[in-house]
Amino acid sequence: MPMPGSPLFEDAIKAGVIEKDVIDKYIRGEYGEGYKGAWPYYIPKGITYEELIEARNETYRKFYLRPTCIFRRLKKDITSFTRLKADVRHGFSLILKGSSADDTTR
């Protein structure tokens, strides 16, 4: 998602994918309800939406499934069984789907 002030945001405006007043429209609720309607997507030319999602999922896997990241989470989870269950669920989701169990963009 192109965020205001980022180079991607400026690229999306130049490409005509989003309008300059996107922030005003977002604040007025003109992009619909729920997560999918919350902010316009920008998919650069030469890549499909599916390829973009797969690249994101691969990045999530590479980052969150690093041994140091897993160990750090387990150290925090030792004090909370509820958090441990949630992290195990998210871990399996990352392995199987490449995204969080709570990710609604799929």
C-alpha atoms as a PDB file:
ATOM      1  CA  MET A   1       0.000   0.000   0.000  1.00  0.00           C
ATOM      2  CA  PRO A   2       1.422   3.368  -0.920  1.00  0.00           C
ATOM      3  CA  MET A   3       1.818   5.466   2.215  1.00  0.00           C
ATOM      4  CA  PRO A   4       1.821   9.267   2.087  1.00  0.00           C
ATOM      5  CA  GLY A   5       5.298  10.727   1.834  1.00  0.00           C
ATOM      6  CA  SER A   6       6.875   7.560   0.437  1.00  0.00           C
ATOM      7  CA  PRO A   7       8.361   7.275  -3.057  1.00  0.00           C
ATOM      8  CA  LEU A   8       5.794   4.557  -3.813  1.00  0.00           C
ATOM      9  CA  PHE A   9       2.999   7.004  -2.968  1.00  0.00           C
ATOM     10  CA  GLU A  10       4.383   9.543  -5.425  1.00  0.00           C
ATOM     11  CA  ASP A  11       4.826   6.819  -8.079  1.00  0.00           C
ATOM     12  CA  ALA A  12       1.194   5.737  -7.605  1.00  0.00           C
ATOM     13  CA  ILE A  13      -0.028   9.320  -8.070  1.00  0.00           C
ATOM     14  CA  LYS A  14       2.104   9.757 -11.225  1.00  0.00           C
ATOM     15  CA  ALA A  15       0.798   6.451 -12.611  1.00  0.00           C
ATOM     16  CA  GLY A  16      -2.780   7.608 -11.991  1.00  0.00           C
ATOM     17  CA  VAL A  17      -3.506   4.688  -9.656  1.00  0.00           C
ATOM     18  CA  ILE A  18      -4.421   6.917  -6.738  1.00  0.00           C
ATOM     19  CA  GLU A  19      -5.526  10.528  -6.614  1.00  0.00           C
ATOM     20  CA  LYS A  20      -3.708  13.353  -4.864  1.00  0.00           C
ATOM     21  CA  ASP A  21      -6.625  13.734  -2.435  1.00  0.00           C
ATOM     22  CA  VAL A  22      -6.574  10.057  -1.407  1.00  0.00           C
ATOM     23  CA  ILE A  23      -6.052  11.006   2.247  1.00  0.00           C
ATOM     24  CA  ASP A  24      -9.120  13.264   2.273  1.00  0.00           C
ATOM     25  CA  LYS A  25     -11.207  10.546   0.609  1.00  0.00           C
ATOM     26  CA  TYR A  26      -9.949   7.967   3.098  1.00  0.00           C
ATOM     27  CA  ILE A  27     -10.850  10.200   6.044  1.00  0.00           C
ATOM     28  CA  ARG A  28     -14.340  10.751   4.607  1.00  0.00           C
ATOM     29  CA  GLY A  29     -14.768   6.957   4.302  1.00  0.00           C
ATOM     30  CA  GLU A  30     -15.054   6.952   0.512  1.00  0.00           C
ATOM     31  CA  TYR A  31     -13.034   3.736   0.121  1.00  0.00           C
ATOM     32  CA  GLY A  32     -15.665   1.464   1.631  1.00  0.00           C
ATOM     33  CA  GLU A  33     -15.799  -0.620   4.752  1.00  0.00           C
ATOM     34  CA  GLY A  34     -13.393  -3.192   6.087  1.00  0.00           C
ATOM     35  CA  TYR A  35      -9.757  -3.956   5.426  1.00  0.00           C
ATOM     36  CA  LYS A  36      -9.944  -4.367   1.642  1.00  0.00           C
ATOM     37  CA  GLY A  37     -11.734  -1.042   1.217  1.00  0.00           C
ATOM     38  CA  ALA A  38      -9.539   0.835   3.653  1.00  0.00           C
ATOM     39  CA  TRP A  39      -6.784   2.048   1.316  1.00  0.00           C
ATOM     40  CA  PRO A  40      -6.140   1.723  -2.433  1.00  0.00           C
ATOM     41  CA  TYR A  41      -3.503  -0.733  -3.610  1.00  0.00           C
ATOM     42  CA  TYR A  42      -0.755   0.098  -6.054  1.00  0.00           C
ATOM     43  CA  ILE A  43       0.579  -2.737  -8.172  1.00  0.00           C
ATOM     44  CA  PRO A  44       3.559  -1.622 -10.273  1.00  0.00           C
ATOM     45  CA  LYS A  45       3.584  -2.461 -13.983  1.00  0.00           C
ATOM     46  CA  GLY A  46       5.243  -5.747 -14.841  1.00  0.00           C
ATOM     47  CA  ILE A  47       3.978  -7.613 -11.766  1.00  0.00           C
ATOM     48  CA  THR A  48       0.617  -9.193 -11.010  1.00  0.00           C
ATOM     49  CA  TYR A  49      -1.305  -8.921  -7.752  1.00  0.00           C
ATOM     50  CA  GLU A  50      -0.608 -12.608  -7.103  1.00  0.00           C
ATOM     51  CA  GLU A  51       3.136 -12.120  -7.637  1.00  0.00           C
ATOM     52  CA  LEU A  52       3.104  -9.142  -5.284  1.00  0.00           C
ATOM     53  CA  ILE A  53       1.320 -11.152  -2.573  1.00  0.00           C
ATOM     54  CA  GLU A  54       3.715 -14.081  -3.030  1.00  0.00           C
ATOM     55  CA  ALA A  55       6.726 -11.735  -2.723  1.00  0.00           C
ATOM     56  CA  ARG A  56       5.225 -10.309   0.476  1.00  0.00           C
ATOM     57  CA  ASN A  57       4.570 -13.795   1.851  1.00  0.00           C
ATOM     58  CA  GLU A  58       8.118 -14.930   1.060  1.00  0.00           C
ATOM     59  CA  THR A  59       9.462 -11.858   2.857  1.00  0.00           C
ATOM     60  CA  TYR A  60       7.298 -12.665   5.899  1.00  0.00           C
ATOM     61  CA  ARG A  61       8.596 -16.252   5.914  1.00  0.00           C
ATOM     62  CA  LYS A  62      12.232 -15.190   5.636  1.00  0.00           C
ATOM     63  CA  PHE A  63      11.880 -12.660   8.441  1.00  0.00           C
ATOM     64  CA  TYR A  64       9.589 -14.368  10.973  1.00  0.00           C
ATOM     65  CA  LEU A  65      10.923 -17.912  10.597  1.00  0.00           C
ATOM     66  CA  ARG A  66      14.519 -16.958  11.410  1.00  0.00           C
ATOM     67  CA  PRO A  67      15.800 -18.874  14.459  1.00  0.00           C
ATOM     68  CA  THR A  68      16.588 -15.650  16.329  1.00  0.00           C
ATOM     69  CA  CYS A  69      13.091 -14.300  15.740  1.00  0.00           C
ATOM     70  CA  ILE A  70      11.469 -17.566  16.835  1.00  0.00           C
ATOM     71  CA  PHE A  71      13.660 -17.765  19.948  1.00  0.00           C
ATOM     72  CA  ARG A  72      12.842 -14.153  20.907  1.00  0.00           C
ATOM     73  CA  ARG A  73       9.108 -14.860  20.579  1.00  0.00           C
ATOM     74  CA  LEU A  74       9.365 -18.054  22.622  1.00  0.00           C
ATOM     75  CA  LYS A  75      11.127 -16.159  25.418  1.00  0.00           C
ATOM     76  CA  LYS A  76       8.180 -13.745  25.569  1.00  0.00           C
ATOM     77  CA  ASP A  77       5.596 -16.526  25.206  1.00  0.00           C
ATOM     78  CA  ILE A  78       6.888 -18.516  28.163  1.00  0.00           C
ATOM     79  CA  THR A  79       4.804 -16.325  30.485  1.00  0.00           C
ATOM     80  CA  SER A  80       1.553 -16.567  28.516  1.00  0.00           C
ATOM     81  CA  PHE A  81      -0.007 -19.768  27.224  1.00  0.00           C
ATOM     82  CA  THR A  82      -2.559 -17.720  25.249  1.00  0.00           C
ATOM     83  CA  ARG A  83       0.206 -15.814  23.448  1.00  0.00           C
ATOM     84  CA  LEU A  84       2.102 -19.063  22.830  1.00  0.00           C
ATOM     85  CA  LYS A  85      -0.996 -20.618  21.207  1.00  0.00           C
ATOM     86  CA  ALA A  86      -1.483 -17.538  19.005  1.00  0.00           C
ATOM     87  CA  ASP A  87       2.175 -17.528  17.937  1.00  0.00           C
ATOM     88  CA  VAL A  88       2.105 -21.246  17.119  1.00  0.00           C
ATOM     89  CA  ARG A  89      -1.052 -20.691  15.036  1.00  0.00           C
ATOM     90  CA  HIS A  90       0.584 -17.765  13.217  1.00  0.00           C
ATOM     91  CA  GLY A  91       3.770 -19.783  12.695  1.00  0.00           C
ATOM     92  CA  PHE A  92       1.894 -22.640  11.037  1.00  0.00           C
ATOM     93  CA  SER A  93      -0.015 -20.135   8.933  1.00  0.00           C
ATOM     94  CA  LEU A  94       3.267 -18.590   7.776  1.00  0.00           C
ATOM     95  CA  ILE A  95       4.624 -22.003   6.833  1.00  0.00           C
ATOM     96  CA  LEU A  96       1.475 -23.203   5.065  1.00  0.00           C
ATOM     97  CA  LYS A  97       0.045 -20.006   3.537  1.00  0.00           C
ATOM     98  CA  GLY A  98       2.927 -17.569   3.764  1.00  0.00           C
ATOM     99  CA  SER A  99       0.854 -15.063   5.680  1.00  0.00           C
ATOM    100  CA  SER A 100      -0.550 -14.476   9.126  1.00  0.00           C
ATOM    101  CA  ALA A 101      -3.574 -16.485  10.229  1.00  0.00           C
ATOM    102  CA  ASP A 102      -5.341 -13.140  10.635  1.00  0.00           C
ATOM    103  CA  ASP A 103      -4.370 -11.795   7.198  1.00  0.00           C
ATOM    104  CA  THR A 104      -7.543 -10.938   5.262  1.00  0.00           C
ATOM    105  CA  THR A 105      -5.913  -9.872   1.997  1.00  0.00           C
ATOM    106  CA  ARG A 106      -5.974 -13.400   0.526  1.00  0.00           C
END
